[in-house]
Amino acid sequence: SSGDRHISAVNIAGDALNTSAMFLNEI
């Protein structure tokens, strides 16, 4: 909430970026 960031993945060419949203309707 204060704007601090954690990066949980670095995606590379060929990766799908938001697959879970296709099944859960949100991310």
PDB file of all heavy atoms in Angstrom:
ATOM      1  N   SER A   1       0.821  -1.210   0.000  1.00  0.00           N
ATOM      2  CA  SER A   1       0.000   0.000   0.000  1.00  0.00           C
ATOM      3  C   SER A   1       0.857   1.263   0.000  1.00  0.00           C
ATOM      4  O   SER A   1       0.406   2.323  -0.437  1.00  0.00           O
ATOM      5  CB  SER A   1      -0.929   0.000   1.212  1.00  0.00           C
ATOM      6  OG  SER A   1      -0.180  -0.081   2.424  1.00  0.00           O
ATOM      7  N   SER A   2       2.108   1.147   0.472  1.00  0.00           N
ATOM      8  CA  SER A   2       3.001   2.311   0.492  1.00  0.00           C
ATOM      9  C   SER A   2       3.824   2.433  -0.785  1.00  0.00           C
ATOM     10  O   SER A   2       4.615   3.365  -0.928  1.00  0.00           O
ATOM     11  CB  SER A   2       3.944   2.226   1.698  1.00  0.00           C
ATOM     12  OG  SER A   2       4.735   1.048   1.634  1.00  0.00           O
ATOM     13  N   GLY A   3       3.648   1.485  -1.720  1.00  0.00           N
ATOM     14  CA  GLY A   3       4.333   1.572  -3.003  1.00  0.00           C
ATOM     15  C   GLY A   3       5.607   0.776  -3.114  1.00  0.00           C
ATOM     16  O   GLY A   3       6.267   0.782  -4.166  1.00  0.00           O
ATOM     17  N   ASP A   4       5.998   0.043  -2.060  1.00  0.00           N
ATOM     18  CA  ASP A   4       7.171  -0.815  -2.146  1.00  0.00           C
ATOM     19  C   ASP A   4       6.873  -1.983  -3.081  1.00  0.00           C
ATOM     20  O   ASP A   4       5.758  -2.528  -3.083  1.00  0.00           O
ATOM     21  CB  ASP A   4       7.569  -1.334  -0.770  1.00  0.00           C
ATOM     22  CG  ASP A   4       8.103  -0.231   0.130  1.00  0.00           C
ATOM     23  OD1 ASP A   4       8.715   0.716  -0.409  1.00  0.00           O
ATOM     24  OD2 ASP A   4       7.900  -0.304   1.355  1.00  0.00           O
ATOM     25  N   ARG A   5       7.878  -2.400  -3.830  1.00  0.00           N
ATOM     26  CA  ARG A   5       7.667  -3.383  -4.886  1.00  0.00           C
ATOM     27  C   ARG A   5       8.426  -4.675  -4.614  1.00  0.00           C
ATOM     28  O   ARG A   5       9.546  -4.652  -4.114  1.00  0.00           O
ATOM     29  CB  ARG A   5       8.138  -2.798  -6.228  1.00  0.00           C
ATOM     30  CG  ARG A   5       8.122  -3.779  -7.400  1.00  0.00           C
ATOM     31  CD  ARG A   5       8.596  -3.127  -8.677  1.00  0.00           C
ATOM     32  NE  ARG A   5      10.002  -2.726  -8.609  1.00  0.00           N
ATOM     33  CZ  ARG A   5      10.679  -2.199  -9.628  1.00  0.00           C
ATOM     34  NH1 ARG A   5      10.051  -1.973 -10.781  1.00  0.00           N
ATOM     35  NH2 ARG A   5      11.944  -1.865  -9.501  1.00  0.00           N
ATOM     36  N   HIS A   6       7.791  -5.795  -4.951  1.00  0.00           N
ATOM     37  CA  HIS A   6       8.499  -7.072  -5.020  1.00  0.00           C
ATOM     38  C   HIS A   6       8.255  -7.672  -6.396  1.00  0.00           C
ATOM     39  O   HIS A   6       7.101  -7.794  -6.833  1.00  0.00           O
ATOM     40  CB  HIS A   6       8.031  -8.052  -3.954  1.00  0.00           C
ATOM     41  CG  HIS A   6       8.672  -9.400  -4.092  1.00  0.00           C
ATOM     42  ND1 HIS A   6      10.024  -9.609  -3.898  1.00  0.00           N
ATOM     43  CD2 HIS A   6       8.162 -10.603  -4.439  1.00  0.00           C
ATOM     44  CE1 HIS A   6      10.317 -10.874  -4.104  1.00  0.00           C
ATOM     45  NE2 HIS A   6       9.202 -11.503  -4.442  1.00  0.00           N
ATOM     46  N   ILE A   7       9.331  -8.025  -7.094  1.00  0.00           N
ATOM     47  CA  ILE A   7       9.231  -8.649  -8.408  1.00  0.00           C
ATOM     48  C   ILE A   7       9.240 -10.154  -8.215  1.00  0.00           C
ATOM     49  O   ILE A   7      10.184 -10.710  -7.652  1.00  0.00           O
ATOM     50  CB  ILE A   7      10.395  -8.201  -9.320  1.00  0.00           C
ATOM     51  CG1 ILE A   7      10.285  -6.695  -9.595  1.00  0.00           C
ATOM     52  CG2 ILE A   7      10.377  -8.985 -10.630  1.00  0.00           C
ATOM     53  CD1 ILE A   7      11.477  -6.119 -10.335  1.00  0.00           C
ATOM     54  N   SER A   8       8.182 -10.818  -8.683  1.00  0.00           N
ATOM     55  CA  SER A   8       8.034 -12.252  -8.457  1.00  0.00           C
ATOM     56  C   SER A   8       8.324 -13.096  -9.690  1.00  0.00           C
ATOM     57  O   SER A   8       8.287 -14.332  -9.605  1.00  0.00           O
ATOM     58  CB  SER A   8       6.618 -12.564  -7.952  1.00  0.00           C
ATOM     59  OG  SER A   8       5.646 -12.128  -8.888  1.00  0.00           O
ATOM     60  N   ALA A   9       8.611 -12.460 -10.832  1.00  0.00           N
ATOM     61  CA  ALA A   9       8.981 -13.216 -12.032  1.00  0.00           C
ATOM     62  C   ALA A   9       9.608 -12.277 -13.049  1.00  0.00           C
ATOM     63  O   ALA A   9       9.208 -11.113 -13.164  1.00  0.00           O
ATOM     64  CB  ALA A   9       7.767 -13.921 -12.646  1.00  0.00           C
ATOM     65  N   VAL A  10      10.583 -12.808 -13.772  1.00  0.00           N
ATOM     66  CA  VAL A  10      11.136 -12.133 -14.942  1.00  0.00           C
ATOM     67  C   VAL A  10      10.823 -13.028 -16.131  1.00  0.00           C
ATOM     68  O   VAL A  10      11.343 -14.139 -16.238  1.00  0.00           O
ATOM     69  CB  VAL A  10      12.661 -11.914 -14.818  1.00  0.00           C
ATOM     70  CG1 VAL A  10      13.199 -11.272 -16.100  1.00  0.00           C
ATOM     71  CG2 VAL A  10      12.986 -11.045 -13.610  1.00  0.00           C
ATOM     72  N   ASN A  11       9.933 -12.567 -16.990  1.00  0.00           N
ATOM     73  CA  ASN A  11       9.492 -13.370 -18.129  1.00  0.00           C
ATOM     74  C   ASN A  11      10.323 -13.073 -19.362  1.00  0.00           C
ATOM     75  O   ASN A  11      10.755 -11.941 -19.582  1.00  0.00           O
ATOM     76  CB  ASN A  11       8.018 -13.115 -18.426  1.00  0.00           C
ATOM     77  CG  ASN A  11       7.117 -13.603 -17.314  1.00  0.00           C
ATOM     78  OD1 ASN A  11       6.476 -12.817 -16.636  1.00  0.00           O
ATOM     79  ND2 ASN A  11       7.070 -14.915 -17.105  1.00  0.00           N
ATOM     80  N   ILE A  12      10.523 -14.110 -20.177  1.00  0.00           N
ATOM     81  CA  ILE A  12      11.326 -14.001 -21.391  1.00  0.00           C
ATOM     82  C   ILE A  12      10.486 -14.421 -22.593  1.00  0.00           C
ATOM     83  O   ILE A  12       9.340 -14.863 -22.454  1.00  0.00           O
ATOM     84  CB  ILE A  12      12.603 -14.862 -21.293  1.00  0.00           C
ATOM     85  CG1 ILE A  12      12.256 -16.355 -21.174  1.00  0.00           C
ATOM     86  CG2 ILE A  12      13.440 -14.429 -20.088  1.00  0.00           C
ATOM     87  CD1 ILE A  12      13.478 -17.267 -21.149  1.00  0.00           C
ATOM     88  N   ALA A  13      11.054 -14.263 -23.788  1.00  0.00           N
ATOM     89  CA  ALA A  13      10.317 -14.524 -25.023  1.00  0.00           C
ATOM     90  C   ALA A  13       9.714 -15.927 -25.030  1.00  0.00           C
ATOM     91  O   ALA A  13      10.389 -16.917 -24.756  1.00  0.00           O
ATOM     92  CB  ALA A  13      11.245 -14.342 -26.223  1.00  0.00           C
ATOM     93  N   GLY A  14       8.423 -15.987 -25.334  1.00  0.00           N
ATOM     94  CA  GLY A  14       7.686 -17.247 -25.359  1.00  0.00           C
ATOM     95  C   GLY A  14       6.785 -17.433 -24.172  1.00  0.00           C
ATOM     96  O   GLY A  14       5.864 -18.264 -24.208  1.00  0.00           O
ATOM     97  N   ASP A  15       7.010 -16.666 -23.096  1.00  0.00           N
ATOM     98  CA  ASP A  15       6.199 -16.814 -21.888  1.00  0.00           C
ATOM     99  C   ASP A  15       4.837 -16.160 -22.034  1.00  0.00           C
ATOM    100  O   ASP A  15       4.715 -15.053 -22.565  1.00  0.00           O
ATOM    101  CB  ASP A  15       6.895 -16.176 -20.683  1.00  0.00           C
ATOM    102  CG  ASP A  15       8.020 -17.025 -20.125  1.00  0.00           C
ATOM    103  OD1 ASP A  15       8.107 -18.217 -20.476  1.00  0.00           O
ATOM    104  OD2 ASP A  15       8.811 -16.494 -19.321  1.00  0.00           O
ATOM    105  N   ALA A  16       3.819 -16.843 -21.513  1.00  0.00           N
ATOM    106  CA  ALA A  16       2.523 -16.203 -21.293  1.00  0.00           C
ATOM    107  C   ALA A  16       2.619 -15.408 -20.002  1.00  0.00           C
ATOM    108  O   ALA A  16       3.238 -15.855 -19.033  1.00  0.00           O
ATOM    109  CB  ALA A  16       1.424 -17.251 -21.206  1.00  0.00           C
ATOM    110  N   LEU A  17       2.029 -14.219 -19.967  1.00  0.00           N
ATOM    111  CA  LEU A  17       2.242 -13.307 -18.855  1.00  0.00           C
ATOM    112  C   LEU A  17       1.116 -13.299 -17.838  1.00  0.00           C
ATOM    113  O   LEU A  17       1.326 -12.854 -16.700  1.00  0.00           O
ATOM    114  CB  LEU A  17       2.456 -11.884 -19.397  1.00  0.00           C
ATOM    115  CG  LEU A  17       3.590 -11.722 -20.411  1.00  0.00           C
ATOM    116  CD1 LEU A  17       3.691 -10.272 -20.854  1.00  0.00           C
ATOM    117  CD2 LEU A  17       4.909 -12.214 -19.842  1.00  0.00           C
ATOM    118  N   ASN A  18      -0.057 -13.752 -18.209  1.00  0.00           N
ATOM    119  CA  ASN A  18      -1.202 -13.665 -17.281  1.00  0.00           C
ATOM    120  C   ASN A  18      -2.165 -14.839 -17.469  1.00  0.00           C
ATOM    121  O   ASN A  18      -3.385 -14.663 -17.485  1.00  0.00           O
ATOM    122  CB  ASN A  18      -1.938 -12.340 -17.455  1.00  0.00           C
ATOM    123  CG  ASN A  18      -2.507 -12.161 -18.861  1.00  0.00           C
ATOM    124  OD1 ASN A  18      -2.144 -12.875 -19.791  1.00  0.00           O
ATOM    125  ND2 ASN A  18      -3.413 -11.208 -19.016  1.00  0.00           N
ATOM    126  N   THR A  19      -1.613 -16.045 -17.586  1.00  0.00           N
ATOM    127  CA  THR A  19      -2.440 -17.225 -17.847  1.00  0.00           C
ATOM    128  C   THR A  19      -3.511 -17.429 -16.796  1.00  0.00           C
ATOM    129  O   THR A  19      -4.652 -17.813 -17.106  1.00  0.00           O
ATOM    130  CB  THR A  19      -1.551 -18.481 -17.919  1.00  0.00           C
ATOM    131  OG1 THR A  19      -0.465 -18.247 -18.816  1.00  0.00           O
ATOM    132  CG2 THR A  19      -2.337 -19.674 -18.412  1.00  0.00           C
ATOM    133  N   SER A  20      -3.181 -17.185 -15.533  1.00  0.00           N
ATOM    134  CA  SER A  20      -4.147 -17.436 -14.460  1.00  0.00           C
ATOM    135  C   SER A  20      -5.432 -16.635 -14.646  1.00  0.00           C
ATOM    136  O   SER A  20      -6.521 -17.084 -14.261  1.00  0.00           O
ATOM    137  CB  SER A  20      -3.522 -17.105 -13.105  1.00  0.00           C
ATOM    138  OG  SER A  20      -3.139 -15.749 -13.032  1.00  0.00           O
ATOM    139  N   ALA A  21      -5.319 -15.455 -15.247  1.00  0.00           N
ATOM    140  CA  ALA A  21      -6.500 -14.612 -15.444  1.00  0.00           C
ATOM    141  C   ALA A  21      -7.484 -15.228 -16.424  1.00  0.00           C
ATOM    142  O   ALA A  21      -8.681 -14.903 -16.406  1.00  0.00           O
ATOM    143  CB  ALA A  21      -6.089 -13.230 -15.934  1.00  0.00           C
ATOM    144  N   MET A  22      -7.018 -16.129 -17.298  1.00  0.00           N
ATOM    145  CA  MET A  22      -7.914 -16.776 -18.238  1.00  0.00           C
ATOM    146  C   MET A  22      -8.834 -17.780 -17.533  1.00  0.00           C
ATOM    147  O   MET A  22      -9.891 -18.151 -18.052  1.00  0.00           O
ATOM    148  CB  MET A  22      -7.114 -17.483 -19.330  1.00  0.00           C
ATOM    149  CG  MET A  22      -6.197 -16.569 -20.150  1.00  0.00           C
ATOM    150  SD  MET A  22      -7.056 -15.218 -21.011  1.00  0.00           S
ATOM    151  CE  MET A  22      -6.685 -13.820 -19.940  1.00  0.00           C
ATOM    152  N   PHE A  23      -8.427 -18.215 -16.343  1.00  0.00           N
ATOM    153  CA  PHE A  23      -9.219 -19.194 -15.592  1.00  0.00           C
ATOM    154  C   PHE A  23      -9.902 -18.584 -14.372  1.00  0.00           C
ATOM    155  O   PHE A  23     -10.960 -19.051 -13.957  1.00  0.00           O
ATOM    156  CB  PHE A  23      -8.314 -20.352 -15.145  1.00  0.00           C
ATOM    157  CG  PHE A  23      -7.648 -21.070 -16.285  1.00  0.00           C
ATOM    158  CD1 PHE A  23      -6.353 -20.761 -16.655  1.00  0.00           C
ATOM    159  CD2 PHE A  23      -8.328 -22.040 -17.005  1.00  0.00           C
ATOM    160  CE1 PHE A  23      -5.735 -21.408 -17.717  1.00  0.00           C
ATOM    161  CE2 PHE A  23      -7.723 -22.697 -18.067  1.00  0.00           C
ATOM    162  CZ  PHE A  23      -6.420 -22.380 -18.428  1.00  0.00           C
ATOM    163  N   LEU A  24      -9.297 -17.537 -13.805  1.00  0.00           N
ATOM    164  CA  LEU A  24      -9.832 -16.941 -12.579  1.00  0.00           C
ATOM    165  C   LEU A  24     -10.555 -15.619 -12.820  1.00  0.00           C
ATOM    166  O   LEU A  24     -11.133 -15.061 -11.897  1.00  0.00           O
ATOM    167  CB  LEU A  24      -8.690 -16.709 -11.581  1.00  0.00           C
ATOM    168  CG  LEU A  24      -7.936 -17.956 -11.126  1.00  0.00           C
ATOM    169  CD1 LEU A  24      -6.791 -17.559 -10.197  1.00  0.00           C
ATOM    170  CD2 LEU A  24      -8.869 -18.936 -10.419  1.00  0.00           C
ATOM    171  N   ASN A  25     -10.472 -15.115 -14.033  1.00  0.00           N
ATOM    172  CA  ASN A  25     -11.136 -13.871 -14.427  1.00  0.00           C
ATOM    173  C   ASN A  25     -10.535 -12.620 -13.796  1.00  0.00           C
ATOM    174  O   ASN A  25     -11.058 -11.520 -13.977  1.00  0.00           O
ATOM    175  CB  ASN A  25     -12.640 -13.916 -14.111  1.00  0.00           C
ATOM    176  CG  ASN A  25     -13.352 -15.037 -14.834  1.00  0.00           C
ATOM    177  OD1 ASN A  25     -13.089 -15.278 -16.011  1.00  0.00           O
ATOM    178  ND2 ASN A  25     -14.224 -15.736 -14.138  1.00  0.00           N
ATOM    179  N   GLU A  26      -9.476 -12.774 -13.028  1.00  0.00           N
ATOM    180  CA  GLU A  26      -8.815 -11.618 -12.444  1.00  0.00           C
ATOM    181  C   GLU A  26      -7.389 -12.009 -12.066  1.00  0.00           C
ATOM    182  O   GLU A  26      -7.047 -13.202 -12.055  1.00  0.00           O
ATOM    183  CB  GLU A  26      -9.552 -11.126 -11.209  1.00  0.00           C
ATOM    184  CG  GLU A  26      -9.646 -12.157 -10.096  1.00  0.00           C
ATOM    185  CD  GLU A  26     -10.450 -11.655  -8.905  1.00  0.00           C
ATOM    186  OE1 GLU A  26     -11.457 -10.954  -9.125  1.00  0.00           O
ATOM    187  OE2 GLU A  26     -10.051 -11.970  -7.772  1.00  0.00           O
ATOM    188  N   ILE A  27      -6.566 -11.026 -11.777  1.00  0.00           N
ATOM    189  CA  ILE A  27      -5.207 -11.294 -11.330  1.00  0.00           C
ATOM    190  C   ILE A  27      -4.924 -10.476 -10.083  1.00  0.00           C
ATOM    191  O   ILE A  27      -5.606  -9.488  -9.801  1.00  0.00           O
ATOM    192  CB  ILE A  27      -4.158 -10.966 -12.426  1.00  0.00           C
ATOM    193  CG1 ILE A  27      -4.227  -9.484 -12.823  1.00  0.00           C
ATOM    194  CG2 ILE A  27      -4.318 -11.862 -13.628  1.00  0.00           C
ATOM    195  CD1 ILE A  27      -3.119  -9.075 -13.778  1.00  0.00           C
TER     196      ILE A  27
END
